[in-house]
Amino acid sequence: MDVVDVDSTNQDHAGHVGPHGYSARKDEHVKRLRRIEGQVRGLQRMVESDTYCIDILTQVSASTKALQAFALSLLEEHLKHCVADAAAQGGPEADEKVAEATAAIARLLRS
């Protein structure tokens, strides 16, 4: 999986600045990501302690599902906030947001 470098501003790809769709639940998302981080660190400990492969694979599956659930939640918020707002405004920005969301969905399906 490719890692994308994202700047720390509140700016989207089109250059608009403002709250993102996930902003209202930011604390909840951070908490969820910390749990996922703990799961991944647990995988490292399992390998270091020579845990049985199938047990590690079970935990890999759980971590993967947790990340997928997070991604779907974030995607839903993006569609409800960013894409819906752009669609209401119409014009090329709406088309851009739909294309951007479509590409994100395609990346999620490939992962």
PDB file of N, CA and C in Angstrom:
ATOM      1  N   MET A   1       0.844  -1.176   0.000  1.00  0.00           N
ATOM      2  CA  MET A   1       0.000   0.000   0.000  1.00  0.00           C
ATOM      3  C   MET A   1       0.885   1.234   0.000  1.00  0.00           C
ATOM      4  N   ASP A   2       0.523   2.186  -0.847  1.00  0.00           N
ATOM      5  CA  ASP A   2       1.287   3.416  -0.935  1.00  0.00           C
ATOM      6  C   ASP A   2       0.914   4.345   0.206  1.00  0.00           C
ATOM      7  N   VAL A   3       1.914   5.050   0.712  1.00  0.00           N
ATOM      8  CA  VAL A   3       1.674   6.058   1.739  1.00  0.00           C
ATOM      9  C   VAL A   3       1.699   7.407   1.055  1.00  0.00           C
ATOM     10  N   VAL A   4       0.685   8.186   1.305  1.00  0.00           N
ATOM     11  CA  VAL A   4       0.568   9.509   0.695  1.00  0.00           C
ATOM     12  C   VAL A   4       0.952  10.551   1.723  1.00  0.00           C
ATOM     13  N   ASP A   5       1.848  11.459   1.342  1.00  0.00           N
ATOM     14  CA  ASP A   5       2.242  12.543   2.237  1.00  0.00           C
ATOM     15  C   ASP A   5       1.145  13.592   2.229  1.00  0.00           C
ATOM     16  N   VAL A   6       0.610  13.876   3.387  1.00  0.00           N
ATOM     17  CA  VAL A   6      -0.469  14.849   3.517  1.00  0.00           C
ATOM     18  C   VAL A   6       0.011  15.980   4.405  1.00  0.00           C
ATOM     19  N   ASP A   7      -0.251  17.217   3.959  1.00  0.00           N
ATOM     20  CA  ASP A   7       0.164  18.334   4.807  1.00  0.00           C
ATOM     21  C   ASP A   7      -0.796  18.458   5.986  1.00  0.00           C
ATOM     22  N   SER A   8      -0.405  19.230   6.971  1.00  0.00           N
ATOM     23  CA  SER A   8      -1.169  19.324   8.216  1.00  0.00           C
ATOM     24  C   SER A   8      -2.179  20.462   8.199  1.00  0.00           C
ATOM     25  N   THR A   9      -2.339  21.126   7.062  1.00  0.00           N
ATOM     26  CA  THR A   9      -3.326  22.198   6.999  1.00  0.00           C
ATOM     27  C   THR A   9      -4.709  21.606   6.848  1.00  0.00           C
ATOM     28  N   ASN A  10      -5.699  22.424   7.003  1.00  0.00           N
ATOM     29  CA  ASN A  10      -7.088  22.002   6.854  1.00  0.00           C
ATOM     30  C   ASN A  10      -7.538  22.330   5.434  1.00  0.00           C
ATOM     31  N   GLN A  11      -6.699  22.020   4.456  1.00  0.00           N
ATOM     32  CA  GLN A  11      -6.933  22.386   3.072  1.00  0.00           C
ATOM     33  C   GLN A  11      -7.156  21.122   2.258  1.00  0.00           C
ATOM     34  N   ASP A  12      -8.183  21.128   1.388  1.00  0.00           N
ATOM     35  CA  ASP A  12      -8.422  19.952   0.564  1.00  0.00           C
ATOM     36  C   ASP A  12      -7.650  20.073  -0.746  1.00  0.00           C
ATOM     37  N   HIS A  13      -7.820  19.074  -1.612  1.00  0.00           N
ATOM     38  CA  HIS A  13      -7.076  19.047  -2.874  1.00  0.00           C
ATOM     39  C   HIS A  13      -7.408  20.217  -3.790  1.00  0.00           C
ATOM     40  N   ALA A  14      -8.620  20.740  -3.656  1.00  0.00           N
ATOM     41  CA  ALA A  14      -9.017  21.867  -4.500  1.00  0.00           C
ATOM     42  C   ALA A  14      -8.561  23.201  -3.923  1.00  0.00           C
ATOM     43  N   GLY A  15      -7.904  23.158  -2.745  1.00  0.00           N
ATOM     44  CA  GLY A  15      -7.386  24.377  -2.142  1.00  0.00           C
ATOM     45  C   GLY A  15      -8.340  25.061  -1.194  1.00  0.00           C
ATOM     46  N   HIS A  16      -9.483  24.458  -0.943  1.00  0.00           N
ATOM     47  CA  HIS A  16     -10.440  25.057  -0.025  1.00  0.00           C
ATOM     48  C   HIS A  16     -10.037  24.779   1.410  1.00  0.00           C
ATOM     49  N   VAL A  17     -10.188  25.778   2.238  1.00  0.00           N
ATOM     50  CA  VAL A  17      -9.835  25.649   3.643  1.00  0.00           C
ATOM     51  C   VAL A  17     -11.119  25.641   4.462  1.00  0.00           C
ATOM     52  N   GLY A  18     -11.171  24.760   5.438  1.00  0.00           N
ATOM     53  CA  GLY A  18     -12.340  24.689   6.307  1.00  0.00           C
ATOM     54  C   GLY A  18     -12.412  23.331   6.964  1.00  0.00           C
ATOM     55  N   PRO A  19     -13.446  23.126   7.782  1.00  0.00           N
ATOM     56  CA  PRO A  19     -13.558  21.844   8.482  1.00  0.00           C
ATOM     57  C   PRO A  19     -13.847  20.715   7.499  1.00  0.00           C
ATOM     58  N   HIS A  20     -13.262  19.576   7.761  1.00  0.00           N
ATOM     59  CA  HIS A  20     -13.501  18.390   6.944  1.00  0.00           C
ATOM     60  C   HIS A  20     -14.688  17.638   7.515  1.00  0.00           C
ATOM     61  N   GLY A  21     -15.217  16.693   6.745  1.00  0.00           N
ATOM     62  CA  GLY A  21     -16.378  15.938   7.170  1.00  0.00           C
ATOM     63  C   GLY A  21     -16.177  15.190   8.469  1.00  0.00           C
ATOM     64  N   TYR A  22     -14.963  14.784   8.739  1.00  0.00           N
ATOM     65  CA  TYR A  22     -14.682  14.012   9.958  1.00  0.00           C
ATOM     66  C   TYR A  22     -14.413  14.895  11.174  1.00  0.00           C
ATOM     67  N   SER A  23     -14.326  16.191  10.989  1.00  0.00           N
ATOM     68  CA  SER A  23     -13.923  17.096  12.069  1.00  0.00           C
ATOM     69  C   SER A  23     -14.785  16.982  13.322  1.00  0.00           C
ATOM     70  N   ALA A  24     -16.088  16.791  13.145  1.00  0.00           N
ATOM     71  CA  ALA A  24     -16.985  16.713  14.301  1.00  0.00           C
ATOM     72  C   ALA A  24     -16.708  15.481  15.162  1.00  0.00           C
ATOM     73  N   ARG A  25     -16.134  14.443  14.560  1.00  0.00           N
ATOM     74  CA  ARG A  25     -15.850  13.202  15.287  1.00  0.00           C
ATOM     75  C   ARG A  25     -14.347  12.932  15.389  1.00  0.00           C
ATOM     76  N   LYS A  26     -13.552  13.980  15.300  1.00  0.00           N
ATOM     77  CA  LYS A  26     -12.101  13.829  15.271  1.00  0.00           C
ATOM     78  C   LYS A  26     -11.571  13.047  16.475  1.00  0.00           C
ATOM     79  N   ASP A  27     -12.018  13.387  17.682  1.00  0.00           N
ATOM     80  CA  ASP A  27     -11.542  12.694  18.886  1.00  0.00           C
ATOM     81  C   ASP A  27     -11.868  11.203  18.835  1.00  0.00           C
ATOM     82  N   GLU A  28     -13.063  10.897  18.373  1.00  0.00           N
ATOM     83  CA  GLU A  28     -13.486   9.500  18.236  1.00  0.00           C
ATOM     84  C   GLU A  28     -12.595   8.756  17.234  1.00  0.00           C
ATOM     85  N   HIS A  29     -12.279   9.424  16.136  1.00  0.00           N
ATOM     86  CA  HIS A  29     -11.420   8.806  15.112  1.00  0.00           C
ATOM     87  C   HIS A  29     -10.005   8.579  15.639  1.00  0.00           C
ATOM     88  N   VAL A  30      -9.480   9.559  16.334  1.00  0.00           N
ATOM     89  CA  VAL A  30      -8.125   9.416  16.888  1.00  0.00           C
ATOM     90  C   VAL A  30      -8.092   8.244  17.873  1.00  0.00           C
ATOM     91  N   LYS A  31      -9.118   8.142  18.702  1.00  0.00           N
ATOM     92  CA  LYS A  31      -9.199   7.041  19.666  1.00  0.00           C
ATOM     93  C   LYS A  31      -9.220   5.693  18.929  1.00  0.00           C
ATOM     94  N   ARG A  32     -10.004   5.625  17.874  1.00  0.00           N
ATOM     95  CA  ARG A  32     -10.091   4.397  17.088  1.00  0.00           C
ATOM     96  C   ARG A  32      -8.743   4.047  16.456  1.00  0.00           C
ATOM     97  N   LEU A  33      -8.066   5.050  15.912  1.00  0.00           N
ATOM     98  CA  LEU A  33      -6.757   4.814  15.297  1.00  0.00           C
ATOM     99  C   LEU A  33      -5.718   4.385  16.326  1.00  0.00           C
ATOM    100  N   ARG A  34      -5.810   4.904  17.530  1.00  0.00           N
ATOM    101  CA  ARG A  34      -4.884   4.473  18.586  1.00  0.00           C
ATOM    102  C   ARG A  34      -5.103   3.003  18.937  1.00  0.00           C
ATOM    103  N   ARG A  35      -6.375   2.567  18.930  1.00  0.00           N
ATOM    104  CA  ARG A  35      -6.654   1.141  19.172  1.00  0.00           C
ATOM    105  C   ARG A  35      -6.053   0.288  18.060  1.00  0.00           C
ATOM    106  N   ILE A  36      -6.185   0.746  16.823  1.00  0.00           N
ATOM    107  CA  ILE A  36      -5.615   0.018  15.680  1.00  0.00           C
ATOM    108  C   ILE A  36      -4.099  -0.009  15.790  1.00  0.00           C
ATOM    109  N   GLU A  37      -3.516   1.106  16.178  1.00  0.00           N
ATOM    110  CA  GLU A  37      -2.061   1.160  16.374  1.00  0.00           C
ATOM    111  C   GLU A  37      -1.645   0.133  17.420  1.00  0.00           C
ATOM    112  N   GLY A  38      -2.413   0.009  18.485  1.00  0.00           N
ATOM    113  CA  GLY A  38      -2.122  -0.983  19.519  1.00  0.00           C
ATOM    114  C   GLY A  38      -2.201  -2.395  18.970  1.00  0.00           C
ATOM    115  N   GLN A  39      -3.169  -2.643  18.100  1.00  0.00           N
ATOM    116  CA  GLN A  39      -3.276  -3.964  17.481  1.00  0.00           C
ATOM    117  C   GLN A  39      -2.030  -4.271  16.647  1.00  0.00           C
ATOM    118  N   VAL A  40      -1.570  -3.295  15.896  1.00  0.00           N
ATOM    119  CA  VAL A  40      -0.393  -3.498  15.046  1.00  0.00           C
ATOM    120  C   VAL A  40       0.856  -3.698  15.894  1.00  0.00           C
ATOM    121  N   ARG A  41       0.988  -2.944  16.960  1.00  0.00           N
ATOM    122  CA  ARG A  41       2.120  -3.151  17.872  1.00  0.00           C
ATOM    123  C   ARG A  41       2.047  -4.545  18.495  1.00  0.00           C
ATOM    124  N   GLY A  42       0.829  -5.008  18.762  1.00  0.00           N
ATOM    125  CA  GLY A  42       0.645  -6.365  19.277  1.00  0.00           C
ATOM    126  C   GLY A  42       1.129  -7.405  18.283  1.00  0.00           C
ATOM    127  N   LEU A  43       0.920  -7.153  17.006  1.00  0.00           N
ATOM    128  CA  LEU A  43       1.422  -8.067  15.975  1.00  0.00           C
ATOM    129  C   LEU A  43       2.951  -8.158  16.030  1.00  0.00           C
ATOM    130  N   GLN A  44       3.580  -7.020  16.202  1.00  0.00           N
ATOM    131  CA  GLN A  44       5.039  -6.995  16.302  1.00  0.00           C
ATOM    132  C   GLN A  44       5.497  -7.828  17.497  1.00  0.00           C
ATOM    133  N   ARG A  45       4.825  -7.650  18.621  1.00  0.00           N
ATOM    134  CA  ARG A  45       5.187  -8.437  19.811  1.00  0.00           C
ATOM    135  C   ARG A  45       4.970  -9.928  19.580  1.00  0.00           C
ATOM    136  N   MET A  46       3.903 -10.270  18.874  1.00  0.00           N
ATOM    137  CA  MET A  46       3.635 -11.680  18.584  1.00  0.00           C
ATOM    138  C   MET A  46       4.765 -12.298  17.765  1.00  0.00           C
ATOM    139  N   VAL A  47       5.233 -11.563  16.764  1.00  0.00           N
ATOM    140  CA  VAL A  47       6.330 -12.070  15.934  1.00  0.00           C
ATOM    141  C   VAL A  47       7.598 -12.190  16.762  1.00  0.00           C
ATOM    142  N   GLU A  48       7.876 -11.162  17.571  1.00  0.00           N
ATOM    143  CA  GLU A  48       9.075 -11.188  18.409  1.00  0.00           C
ATOM    144  C   GLU A  48       9.058 -12.353  19.392  1.00  0.00           C
ATOM    145  N   SER A  49       7.875 -12.760  19.837  1.00  0.00           N
ATOM    146  CA  SER A  49       7.792 -13.850  20.819  1.00  0.00           C
ATOM    147  C   SER A  49       7.504 -15.206  20.157  1.00  0.00           C
ATOM    148  N   ASP A  50       7.676 -15.260  18.836  1.00  0.00           N
ATOM    149  CA  ASP A  50       7.507 -16.513  18.087  1.00  0.00           C
ATOM    150  C   ASP A  50       6.130 -17.150  18.260  1.00  0.00           C
ATOM    151  N   THR A  51       5.093 -16.331  18.195  1.00  0.00           N
ATOM    152  CA  THR A  51       3.719 -16.821  18.283  1.00  0.00           C
ATOM    153  C   THR A  51       3.399 -17.636  17.023  1.00  0.00           C
ATOM    154  N   TYR A  52       2.521 -18.611  17.181  1.00  0.00           N
ATOM    155  CA  TYR A  52       2.097 -19.482  16.088  1.00  0.00           C
ATOM    156  C   TYR A  52       1.544 -18.648  14.937  1.00  0.00           C
ATOM    157  N   CYS A  53       1.941 -18.992  13.703  1.00  0.00           N
ATOM    158  CA  CYS A  53       1.593 -18.192  12.511  1.00  0.00           C
ATOM    159  C   CYS A  53       0.091 -17.942  12.366  1.00  0.00           C
ATOM    160  N   ILE A  54      -0.706 -18.963  12.579  1.00  0.00           N
ATOM    161  CA  ILE A  54      -2.146 -18.806  12.397  1.00  0.00           C
ATOM    162  C   ILE A  54      -2.716 -17.796  13.391  1.00  0.00           C
ATOM    163  N   ASP A  55      -2.188 -17.787  14.594  1.00  0.00           N
ATOM    164  CA  ASP A  55      -2.635 -16.806  15.582  1.00  0.00           C
ATOM    165  C   ASP A  55      -2.281 -15.384  15.135  1.00  0.00           C
ATOM    166  N   ILE A  56      -1.110 -15.223  14.553  1.00  0.00           N
ATOM    167  CA  ILE A  56      -0.703 -13.906  14.038  1.00  0.00           C
ATOM    168  C   ILE A  56      -1.605 -13.509  12.878  1.00  0.00           C
ATOM    169  N   LEU A  57      -1.866 -14.446  11.972  1.00  0.00           N
ATOM    170  CA  LEU A  57      -2.718 -14.150  10.830  1.00  0.00           C
ATOM    171  C   LEU A  57      -4.135 -13.757  11.259  1.00  0.00           C
ATOM    172  N   THR A  58      -4.612 -14.375  12.318  1.00  0.00           N
ATOM    173  CA  THR A  58      -5.931 -14.016  12.858  1.00  0.00           C
ATOM    174  C   THR A  58      -5.927 -12.564  13.308  1.00  0.00           C
ATOM    175  N   GLN A  59      -4.855 -12.156  13.967  1.00  0.00           N
ATOM    176  CA  GLN A  59      -4.755 -10.768  14.424  1.00  0.00           C
ATOM    177  C   GLN A  59      -4.535  -9.800  13.265  1.00  0.00           C
ATOM    178  N   VAL A  60      -3.822 -10.238  12.217  1.00  0.00           N
ATOM    179  CA  VAL A  60      -3.662  -9.401  11.019  1.00  0.00           C
ATOM    180  C   VAL A  60      -5.036  -9.140  10.412  1.00  0.00           C
ATOM    181  N   SER A  61      -5.845 -10.188  10.333  1.00  0.00           N
ATOM    182  CA  SER A  61      -7.191 -10.046   9.793  1.00  0.00           C
ATOM    183  C   SER A  61      -8.015  -9.053  10.613  1.00  0.00           C
ATOM    184  N   ALA A  62      -7.932  -9.147  11.929  1.00  0.00           N
ATOM    185  CA  ALA A  62      -8.677  -8.231  12.805  1.00  0.00           C
ATOM    186  C   ALA A  62      -8.210  -6.793  12.602  1.00  0.00           C
ATOM    187  N   SER A  63      -6.907  -6.595  12.487  1.00  0.00           N
ATOM    188  CA  SER A  63      -6.360  -5.248  12.270  1.00  0.00           C
ATOM    189  C   SER A  63      -6.800  -4.694  10.921  1.00  0.00           C
ATOM    190  N   THR A  64      -6.772  -5.539   9.914  1.00  0.00           N
ATOM    191  CA  THR A  64      -7.185  -5.131   8.573  1.00  0.00           C
ATOM    192  C   THR A  64      -8.653  -4.722   8.569  1.00  0.00           C
ATOM    193  N   LYS A  65      -9.490  -5.509   9.213  1.00  0.00           N
ATOM    194  CA  LYS A  65     -10.925  -5.194   9.275  1.00  0.00           C
ATOM    195  C   LYS A  65     -11.157  -3.886  10.042  1.00  0.00           C
ATOM    196  N   ALA A  66     -10.382  -3.658  11.088  1.00  0.00           N
ATOM    197  CA  ALA A  66     -10.518  -2.413  11.850  1.00  0.00           C
ATOM    198  C   ALA A  66     -10.163  -1.212  10.979  1.00  0.00           C
ATOM    199  N   LEU A  67      -9.095  -1.321  10.190  1.00  0.00           N
ATOM    200  CA  LEU A  67      -8.715  -0.229   9.285  1.00  0.00           C
ATOM    201  C   LEU A  67      -9.769  -0.026   8.200  1.00  0.00           C
ATOM    202  N   GLN A  68     -10.306  -1.121   7.680  1.00  0.00           N
ATOM    203  CA  GLN A  68     -11.342  -1.011   6.652  1.00  0.00           C
ATOM    204  C   GLN A  68     -12.590  -0.318   7.211  1.00  0.00           C
ATOM    205  N   ALA A  69     -12.974  -0.675   8.435  1.00  0.00           N
ATOM    206  CA  ALA A  69     -14.140  -0.039   9.060  1.00  0.00           C
ATOM    207  C   ALA A  69     -13.893   1.452   9.256  1.00  0.00           C
ATOM    208  N   PHE A  70     -12.684   1.808   9.661  1.00  0.00           N
ATOM    209  CA  PHE A  70     -12.333   3.218   9.819  1.00  0.00           C
ATOM    210  C   PHE A  70     -12.428   3.933   8.475  1.00  0.00           C
ATOM    211  N   ALA A  71     -11.876   3.308   7.438  1.00  0.00           N
ATOM    212  CA  ALA A  71     -11.895   3.914   6.107  1.00  0.00           C
ATOM    213  C   ALA A  71     -13.318   4.120   5.616  1.00  0.00           C
ATOM    214  N   LEU A  72     -14.184   3.153   5.828  1.00  0.00           N
ATOM    215  CA  LEU A  72     -15.575   3.294   5.400  1.00  0.00           C
ATOM    216  C   LEU A  72     -16.287   4.418   6.148  1.00  0.00           C
ATOM    217  N   SER A  73     -16.007   4.544   7.424  1.00  0.00           N
ATOM    218  CA  SER A  73     -16.589   5.620   8.220  1.00  0.00           C
ATOM    219  C   SER A  73     -16.137   6.980   7.693  1.00  0.00           C
ATOM    220  N   LEU A  74     -14.848   7.091   7.416  1.00  0.00           N
ATOM    221  CA  LEU A  74     -14.298   8.337   6.897  1.00  0.00           C
ATOM    222  C   LEU A  74     -14.871   8.646   5.509  1.00  0.00           C
ATOM    223  N   LEU A  75     -14.995   7.615   4.683  1.00  0.00           N
ATOM    224  CA  LEU A  75     -15.565   7.800   3.351  1.00  0.00           C
ATOM    225  C   LEU A  75     -17.010   8.273   3.433  1.00  0.00           C
ATOM    226  N   GLU A  76     -17.774   7.678   4.327  1.00  0.00           N
ATOM    227  CA  GLU A  76     -19.169   8.093   4.501  1.00  0.00           C
ATOM    228  C   GLU A  76     -19.250   9.569   4.888  1.00  0.00           C
ATOM    229  N   GLU A  77     -18.396   9.983   5.815  1.00  0.00           N
ATOM    230  CA  GLU A  77     -18.389  11.387   6.233  1.00  0.00           C
ATOM    231  C   GLU A  77     -17.977  12.297   5.084  1.00  0.00           C
ATOM    232  N   HIS A  78     -17.031  11.838   4.275  1.00  0.00           N
ATOM    233  CA  HIS A  78     -16.590  12.632   3.123  1.00  0.00           C
ATOM    234  C   HIS A  78     -17.746  12.811   2.129  1.00  0.00           C
ATOM    235  N   LEU A  79     -18.463  11.726   1.883  1.00  0.00           N
ATOM    236  CA  LEU A  79     -19.582  11.807   0.944  1.00  0.00           C
ATOM    237  C   LEU A  79     -20.680  12.734   1.472  1.00  0.00           C
ATOM    238  N   LYS A  80     -20.990  12.606   2.757  1.00  0.00           N
ATOM    239  CA  LYS A  80     -22.056  13.422   3.351  1.00  0.00           C
ATOM    240  C   LYS A  80     -21.683  14.899   3.423  1.00  0.00           C
ATOM    241  N   HIS A  81     -20.423  15.187   3.648  1.00  0.00           N
ATOM    242  CA  HIS A  81     -20.002  16.578   3.862  1.00  0.00           C
ATOM    243  C   HIS A  81     -19.425  17.185   2.588  1.00  0.00           C
ATOM    244  N   CYS A  82     -18.265  16.719   2.195  1.00  0.00           N
ATOM    245  CA  CYS A  82     -17.529  17.350   1.089  1.00  0.00           C
ATOM    246  C   CYS A  82     -18.219  17.178  -0.257  1.00  0.00           C
ATOM    247  N   VAL A  83     -18.611  15.937  -0.572  1.00  0.00           N
ATOM    248  CA  VAL A  83     -19.224  15.682  -1.875  1.00  0.00           C
ATOM    249  C   VAL A  83     -20.614  16.302  -1.935  1.00  0.00           C
ATOM    250  N   ALA A  84     -21.396  16.161  -0.875  1.00  0.00           N
ATOM    251  CA  ALA A  84     -22.739  16.740  -0.867  1.00  0.00           C
ATOM    252  C   ALA A  84     -22.687  18.262  -0.988  1.00  0.00           C
ATOM    253  N   ASP A  85     -21.769  18.903  -0.279  1.00  0.00           N
ATOM    254  CA  ASP A  85     -21.632  20.363  -0.375  1.00  0.00           C
ATOM    255  C   ASP A  85     -21.251  20.786  -1.789  1.00  0.00           C
ATOM    256  N   ALA A  86     -20.304  20.063  -2.387  1.00  0.00           N
ATOM    257  CA  ALA A  86     -19.867  20.395  -3.746  1.00  0.00           C
ATOM    258  C   ALA A  86     -20.998  20.165  -4.741  1.00  0.00           C
ATOM    259  N   ALA A  87     -21.771  19.084  -4.558  1.00  0.00           N
ATOM    260  CA  ALA A  87     -22.887  18.801  -5.463  1.00  0.00           C
ATOM    261  C   ALA A  87     -23.944  19.902  -5.362  1.00  0.00           C
ATOM    262  N   ALA A  88     -24.181  20.396  -4.161  1.00  0.00           N
ATOM    263  CA  ALA A  88     -25.164  21.469  -3.975  1.00  0.00           C
ATOM    264  C   ALA A  88     -24.725  22.746  -4.693  1.00  0.00           C
ATOM    265  N   GLN A  89     -23.407  22.970  -4.742  1.00  0.00           N
ATOM    266  CA  GLN A  89     -22.885  24.156  -5.425  1.00  0.00           C
ATOM    267  C   GLN A  89     -22.852  23.966  -6.934  1.00  0.00           C
ATOM    268  N   GLY A  90     -22.696  22.707  -7.353  1.00  0.00           N
ATOM    269  CA  GLY A  90     -22.655  22.398  -8.778  1.00  0.00           C
ATOM    270  C   GLY A  90     -21.354  22.818  -9.430  1.00  0.00           C
ATOM    271  N   GLY A  91     -21.325  22.728 -10.722  1.00  0.00           N
ATOM    272  CA  GLY A  91     -20.160  23.147 -11.496  1.00  0.00           C
ATOM    273  C   GLY A  91     -19.032  22.139 -11.463  1.00  0.00           C
ATOM    274  N   PRO A  92     -17.849  22.577 -11.894  1.00  0.00           N
ATOM    275  CA  PRO A  92     -16.703  21.676 -12.002  1.00  0.00           C
ATOM    276  C   PRO A  92     -16.240  21.119 -10.651  1.00  0.00           C
ATOM    277  N   GLU A  93     -16.461  21.881  -9.574  1.00  0.00           N
ATOM    278  CA  GLU A  93     -16.052  21.395  -8.258  1.00  0.00           C
ATOM    279  C   GLU A  93     -16.836  20.136  -7.885  1.00  0.00           C
ATOM    280  N   ALA A  94     -18.104  20.089  -8.238  1.00  0.00           N
ATOM    281  CA  ALA A  94     -18.923  18.908  -7.953  1.00  0.00           C
ATOM    282  C   ALA A  94     -18.371  17.698  -8.696  1.00  0.00           C
ATOM    283  N   ASP A  95     -18.065  17.889  -9.973  1.00  0.00           N
ATOM    284  CA  ASP A  95     -17.504  16.791 -10.766  1.00  0.00           C
ATOM    285  C   ASP A  95     -16.176  16.325 -10.190  1.00  0.00           C
ATOM    286  N   GLU A  96     -15.365  17.284  -9.738  1.00  0.00           N
ATOM    287  CA  GLU A  96     -14.060  16.962  -9.159  1.00  0.00           C
ATOM    288  C   GLU A  96     -14.216  16.136  -7.881  1.00  0.00           C
ATOM    289  N   LYS A  97     -15.147  16.538  -7.016  1.00  0.00           N
ATOM    290  CA  LYS A  97     -15.353  15.813  -5.752  1.00  0.00           C
ATOM    291  C   LYS A  97     -15.883  14.402  -5.998  1.00  0.00           C
ATOM    292  N   VAL A  98     -16.761  14.235  -6.973  1.00  0.00           N
ATOM    293  CA  VAL A  98     -17.274  12.901  -7.300  1.00  0.00           C
ATOM    294  C   VAL A  98     -16.145  12.034  -7.841  1.00  0.00           C
ATOM    295  N   ALA A  99     -15.332  12.587  -8.725  1.00  0.00           N
ATOM    296  CA  ALA A  99     -14.192  11.835  -9.279  1.00  0.00           C
ATOM    297  C   ALA A  99     -13.200  11.463  -8.179  1.00  0.00           C
ATOM    298  N   GLU A 100     -12.957  12.385  -7.283  1.00  0.00           N
ATOM    299  CA  GLU A 100     -12.045  12.146  -6.159  1.00  0.00           C
ATOM    300  C   GLU A 100     -12.578  11.027  -5.267  1.00  0.00           C
ATOM    301  N   ALA A 101     -13.870  11.058  -4.955  1.00  0.00           N
ATOM    302  CA  ALA A 101     -14.478  10.013  -4.121  1.00  0.00           C
ATOM    303  C   ALA A 101     -14.454   8.673  -4.841  1.00  0.00           C
ATOM    304  N   THR A 102     -14.725   8.673  -6.127  1.00  0.00           N
ATOM    305  CA  THR A 102     -14.693   7.439  -6.926  1.00  0.00           C
ATOM    306  C   THR A 102     -13.298   6.823  -6.902  1.00  0.00           C
ATOM    307  N   ALA A 103     -12.270   7.643  -7.041  1.00  0.00           N
ATOM    308  CA  ALA A 103     -10.890   7.149  -7.001  1.00  0.00           C
ATOM    309  C   ALA A 103     -10.562   6.581  -5.618  1.00  0.00           C
ATOM    310  N   ALA A 104     -11.043   7.234  -4.571  1.00  0.00           N
ATOM    311  CA  ALA A 104     -10.805   6.741  -3.203  1.00  0.00           C
ATOM    312  C   ALA A 104     -11.473   5.399  -3.004  1.00  0.00           C
ATOM    313  N   ILE A 105     -12.687   5.252  -3.501  1.00  0.00           N
ATOM    314  CA  ILE A 105     -13.395   3.975  -3.386  1.00  0.00           C
ATOM    315  C   ILE A 105     -12.630   2.890  -4.144  1.00  0.00           C
ATOM    316  N   ALA A 106     -12.148   3.212  -5.330  1.00  0.00           N
ATOM    317  CA  ALA A 106     -11.377   2.240  -6.118  1.00  0.00           C
ATOM    318  C   ALA A 106     -10.128   1.804  -5.353  1.00  0.00           C
ATOM    319  N   ARG A 107      -9.442   2.744  -4.701  1.00  0.00           N
ATOM    320  CA  ARG A 107      -8.239   2.382  -3.930  1.00  0.00           C
ATOM    321  C   ARG A 107      -8.615   1.463  -2.769  1.00  0.00           C
ATOM    322  N   LEU A 108      -9.735   1.751  -2.112  1.00  0.00           N
ATOM    323  CA  LEU A 108     -10.179   0.900  -0.993  1.00  0.00           C
ATOM    324  C   LEU A 108     -10.508  -0.500  -1.487  1.00  0.00           C
ATOM    325  N   LEU A 109     -11.120  -0.615  -2.637  1.00  0.00           N
ATOM    326  CA  LEU A 109     -11.456  -1.924  -3.180  1.00  0.00           C
ATOM    327  C   LEU A 109     -10.226  -2.733  -3.549  1.00  0.00           C
ATOM    328  N   ARG A 110      -9.173  -2.059  -3.961  1.00  0.00           N
ATOM    329  CA  ARG A 110      -7.931  -2.758  -4.331  1.00  0.00           C
ATOM    330  C   ARG A 110      -7.118  -3.189  -3.111  1.00  0.00           C
ATOM    331  N   SER A 111      -7.394  -2.579  -1.966  1.00  0.00           N
ATOM    332  CA  SER A 111      -6.568  -2.894  -0.791  1.00  0.00           C
ATOM    333  C   SER A 111      -7.040  -4.128  -0.066  1.00  0.00           C
TER     334      SER A 111
END
